[in-house]
N, C-alpha and C. Protein backbone atom coordinates (compact mmCIF):
# COMPACT_ATOMS: atom_id res chain seq x y z
N UNK A 1 -20.03 -0.07 -44.05
CA UNK A 1 -19.68 -0.90 -42.91
C UNK A 1 -18.16 -0.95 -42.70
N UNK A 2 -17.41 -1.09 -43.80
CA UNK A 2 -15.96 -1.13 -43.69
C UNK A 2 -15.42 0.17 -43.13
N UNK A 3 -15.99 1.29 -43.57
CA UNK A 3 -15.53 2.58 -43.09
C UNK A 3 -15.80 2.75 -41.60
N UNK A 4 -16.93 2.23 -41.12
CA UNK A 4 -17.24 2.31 -39.69
C UNK A 4 -16.22 1.54 -38.87
N UNK A 5 -15.88 0.35 -39.32
CA UNK A 5 -14.89 -0.45 -38.62
C UNK A 5 -13.52 0.21 -38.66
N UNK A 6 -13.16 0.71 -39.84
CA UNK A 6 -11.87 1.39 -39.99
C UNK A 6 -11.80 2.61 -39.07
N UNK A 7 -12.89 3.37 -39.02
CA UNK A 7 -12.93 4.56 -38.15
C UNK A 7 -12.84 4.17 -36.67
N UNK A 8 -13.52 3.09 -36.31
CA UNK A 8 -13.48 2.63 -34.92
C UNK A 8 -12.07 2.20 -34.53
N UNK A 9 -11.40 1.49 -35.41
CA UNK A 9 -10.03 1.05 -35.14
C UNK A 9 -9.11 2.25 -35.02
N UNK A 10 -9.27 3.21 -35.93
CA UNK A 10 -8.42 4.40 -35.89
C UNK A 10 -8.66 5.22 -34.62
N UNK A 11 -9.92 5.32 -34.20
CA UNK A 11 -10.23 6.04 -32.95
C UNK A 11 -9.62 5.33 -31.75
N UNK A 12 -9.70 4.01 -31.74
CA UNK A 12 -9.11 3.23 -30.64
C UNK A 12 -7.59 3.41 -30.62
N UNK A 13 -6.96 3.34 -31.79
CA UNK A 13 -5.51 3.55 -31.87
C UNK A 13 -5.14 4.93 -31.35
N UNK A 14 -5.88 5.95 -31.78
CA UNK A 14 -5.56 7.31 -31.36
C UNK A 14 -5.75 7.48 -29.86
N UNK A 15 -6.79 6.87 -29.31
CA UNK A 15 -7.02 6.93 -27.86
C UNK A 15 -5.84 6.30 -27.11
N UNK A 16 -5.41 5.13 -27.54
CA UNK A 16 -4.30 4.46 -26.88
C UNK A 16 -3.00 5.26 -27.03
N UNK A 17 -2.78 5.84 -28.20
CA UNK A 17 -1.60 6.67 -28.40
C UNK A 17 -1.63 7.86 -27.44
N UNK A 18 -2.79 8.50 -27.32
CA UNK A 18 -2.94 9.63 -26.40
C UNK A 18 -2.65 9.22 -24.95
N UNK A 19 -3.18 8.07 -24.56
CA UNK A 19 -2.97 7.59 -23.19
C UNK A 19 -1.50 7.26 -22.94
N UNK A 20 -0.86 6.61 -23.89
CA UNK A 20 0.55 6.28 -23.74
C UNK A 20 1.42 7.53 -23.70
N UNK A 21 1.06 8.52 -24.50
CA UNK A 21 1.80 9.79 -24.45
C UNK A 21 1.68 10.43 -23.07
N UNK A 22 0.48 10.36 -22.48
CA UNK A 22 0.29 10.90 -21.12
C UNK A 22 1.17 10.18 -20.11
N UNK A 23 1.43 8.90 -20.36
CA UNK A 23 2.26 8.10 -19.46
C UNK A 23 3.75 8.23 -19.77
N UNK A 24 4.08 9.04 -20.77
CA UNK A 24 5.48 9.30 -21.08
C UNK A 24 6.09 8.39 -22.12
N UNK A 25 5.29 7.60 -22.80
CA UNK A 25 5.80 6.72 -23.85
C UNK A 25 5.67 7.44 -25.19
N UNK A 26 6.78 7.62 -25.87
CA UNK A 26 6.77 8.29 -27.16
C UNK A 26 7.21 7.35 -28.28
N UNK A 27 8.15 6.50 -27.96
CA UNK A 27 8.62 5.50 -28.91
C UNK A 27 9.30 4.39 -28.13
N UNK A 28 9.42 3.25 -28.79
CA UNK A 28 10.06 2.09 -28.18
C UNK A 28 10.70 1.30 -29.30
N UNK A 29 11.92 0.85 -29.06
CA UNK A 29 12.65 0.11 -30.09
C UNK A 29 12.72 0.90 -31.40
N UNK A 30 12.95 2.21 -31.26
CA UNK A 30 13.06 3.12 -32.41
C UNK A 30 11.81 3.18 -33.29
N UNK A 31 10.65 2.82 -32.71
CA UNK A 31 9.39 2.93 -33.45
C UNK A 31 8.49 3.92 -32.71
N UNK A 32 8.05 4.94 -33.41
CA UNK A 32 7.10 5.88 -32.84
C UNK A 32 5.74 5.21 -32.68
N UNK A 33 4.94 5.73 -31.75
CA UNK A 33 3.65 5.12 -31.46
C UNK A 33 2.76 4.99 -32.69
N UNK A 34 2.79 5.99 -33.57
CA UNK A 34 1.92 5.93 -34.74
C UNK A 34 2.30 4.81 -35.70
N UNK A 35 3.47 4.21 -35.51
CA UNK A 35 3.90 3.08 -36.34
C UNK A 35 3.46 1.73 -35.77
N UNK A 36 2.99 1.74 -34.53
CA UNK A 36 2.61 0.50 -33.86
C UNK A 36 1.25 0.01 -34.35
N UNK A 37 1.06 -1.30 -34.23
CA UNK A 37 -0.25 -1.87 -34.53
C UNK A 37 -1.17 -1.64 -33.34
N UNK A 38 -2.46 -1.81 -33.57
CA UNK A 38 -3.43 -1.68 -32.48
C UNK A 38 -3.10 -2.68 -31.37
N UNK A 39 -2.75 -3.88 -31.74
CA UNK A 39 -2.41 -4.90 -30.75
C UNK A 39 -1.19 -4.49 -29.92
N UNK A 40 -0.16 -3.96 -30.57
CA UNK A 40 1.03 -3.50 -29.85
C UNK A 40 0.68 -2.39 -28.86
N UNK A 41 -0.14 -1.45 -29.30
CA UNK A 41 -0.56 -0.35 -28.44
C UNK A 41 -1.34 -0.86 -27.24
N UNK A 42 -2.26 -1.77 -27.48
CA UNK A 42 -3.07 -2.33 -26.39
C UNK A 42 -2.19 -3.07 -25.39
N UNK A 43 -1.26 -3.88 -25.87
CA UNK A 43 -0.40 -4.65 -24.97
C UNK A 43 0.47 -3.74 -24.13
N UNK A 44 1.04 -2.72 -24.73
CA UNK A 44 1.89 -1.78 -24.00
C UNK A 44 1.08 -1.04 -22.94
N UNK A 45 -0.12 -0.62 -23.31
CA UNK A 45 -0.97 0.12 -22.38
C UNK A 45 -1.36 -0.75 -21.19
N UNK A 46 -1.76 -1.97 -21.45
CA UNK A 46 -2.14 -2.89 -20.36
C UNK A 46 -0.96 -3.15 -19.44
N UNK A 47 0.21 -3.40 -20.01
CA UNK A 47 1.40 -3.65 -19.19
C UNK A 47 1.74 -2.45 -18.32
N UNK A 48 1.71 -1.27 -18.89
CA UNK A 48 2.03 -0.07 -18.11
C UNK A 48 1.01 0.17 -17.01
N UNK A 49 -0.25 -0.02 -17.32
CA UNK A 49 -1.29 0.18 -16.30
C UNK A 49 -1.11 -0.82 -15.16
N UNK A 50 -0.72 -2.05 -15.46
CA UNK A 50 -0.48 -3.05 -14.42
C UNK A 50 0.69 -2.63 -13.54
N UNK A 51 1.76 -2.17 -14.15
CA UNK A 51 2.93 -1.73 -13.39
C UNK A 51 2.57 -0.55 -12.50
N UNK A 52 1.84 0.39 -13.06
CA UNK A 52 1.43 1.57 -12.28
C UNK A 52 0.52 1.15 -11.13
N UNK A 53 -0.42 0.24 -11.39
CA UNK A 53 -1.32 -0.21 -10.34
C UNK A 53 -0.54 -0.90 -9.22
N UNK A 54 0.37 -1.77 -9.58
CA UNK A 54 1.17 -2.48 -8.58
C UNK A 54 1.99 -1.48 -7.77
N UNK A 55 2.59 -0.54 -8.46
CA UNK A 55 3.44 0.45 -7.78
C UNK A 55 2.63 1.32 -6.82
N UNK A 56 1.46 1.75 -7.22
CA UNK A 56 0.67 2.64 -6.38
C UNK A 56 -0.09 1.90 -5.28
N UNK A 57 -0.27 0.60 -5.43
CA UNK A 57 -1.04 -0.16 -4.44
C UNK A 57 -0.19 -1.06 -3.56
N UNK A 58 1.10 -1.03 -3.76
CA UNK A 58 1.94 -1.87 -2.91
C UNK A 58 2.24 -1.12 -1.62
N UNK A 59 2.26 -1.83 -0.55
CA UNK A 59 2.56 -1.20 0.74
C UNK A 59 4.06 -1.32 1.01
N UNK A 60 4.49 -0.65 2.02
CA UNK A 60 5.90 -0.71 2.41
C UNK A 60 6.26 -2.15 2.75
N UNK A 61 7.48 -2.54 2.52
CA UNK A 61 7.90 -3.91 2.84
C UNK A 61 7.68 -4.20 4.32
N UNK A 62 7.19 -5.36 4.56
CA UNK A 62 6.94 -5.76 5.95
C UNK A 62 8.23 -6.29 6.55
N UNK A 63 8.46 -5.93 7.77
CA UNK A 63 9.63 -6.43 8.46
C UNK A 63 9.20 -7.53 9.41
N UNK A 64 10.06 -8.50 9.59
CA UNK A 64 9.73 -9.56 10.51
C UNK A 64 10.20 -9.16 11.90
N UNK A 65 9.36 -9.43 12.85
CA UNK A 65 9.71 -9.12 14.24
C UNK A 65 9.71 -10.42 15.04
N UNK A 66 10.68 -10.54 15.88
CA UNK A 66 10.71 -11.68 16.78
C UNK A 66 10.63 -11.18 18.20
N UNK A 67 9.89 -11.86 19.00
CA UNK A 67 9.74 -11.51 20.39
C UNK A 67 10.34 -12.60 21.25
N UNK A 68 11.05 -12.19 22.27
CA UNK A 68 11.66 -13.17 23.16
C UNK A 68 10.92 -13.24 24.45
């Protein structure tokens, strides 16, 4: 049972590392991704995905128009 959990955690870590590498993240604060905890990897991934989503789904700034 312990090995199954350990393997699942390691697979999750590796998946997040792979995804972050695809997004261009290799290290942060002089720590390589493989040195990060699972929680650190998850938080970074969620933050980046939110930024990317906001950036890709935001429309051009609206201008105010006044009519006389």
